[in-house]
Amino acid sequence: QFPQDVFAIQQIILSTKPDLIIETGIAHGGSLISSASMLALLDYCDSTKSKNLEINRMVLGIDIDIRDHNKKEILDHDLAHKIKMIEGSSIDSSIMNEVFDYSSNFKKKLVILDSNHTYDHVIKELEIYAPLVSIDSYCIVCDTAIADMPNIFHENREWNTINNPKKAVREFLSENKDFESDIDIDNRLLISSNPEGYIKRIK
């Protein structure tokens, strides 16, 4: 992510105050740790207001291949208690059911889609996970900028200027009026990895 996208996601987390962040795509785990740190900050702020408040904010990460060395680094981190990981394809029905079962324990949810960047994969993720997003929260679709970059940047990849996340976002929004792209975020960032990808649930 560009630094400004990291800041934008942090601002969204702080403003929406989710109980659960669902992230597809783990890689080395940096995003999971970043999200967990923001939730820990929210937990701390809430705990100073009420010592009797039960706090259980979590990050749920899904990846088709969580490599052992990455998993070890994540589990050894001080914020590991705020992270749950599921290994498998985010669009597999068994994984979907596991995510839905787990997320039913949380009230306010935010989703970040950052796994396979092909149109087919992202549109399926949107159809599956967008309904979990709470009203006034977000589904953040990463790397929509693929659509605007020359194909030379995507050599040896399935995605390109025709087959990409932005195409999936536009189709999803054309058929689903519960969400809209938060263009104010795009205008504020100017340069972003995720243009049109900050979609907000409005109803």
Foldseek 3Di string as FASTA:
>chain_A
DPPLVLVVVLVQCVVQVFLEEEEEDQVLNPVQVSSLVSNVVVVVVVCVVPVPDDHQRAYEYEYQDCDPVSVVVLCPDPSVSRYHYDHRQPLDPVNLVVVVVVLVVTDAYEYEYDYQWFLVSLLSNCVRCVVSHDAQHWYFYFQQCQLVDQCVVVPPGPDHVVTGNVVSLVVVVVVDVQKFQPCVSCVVSVDHSGHSRTIGGHD
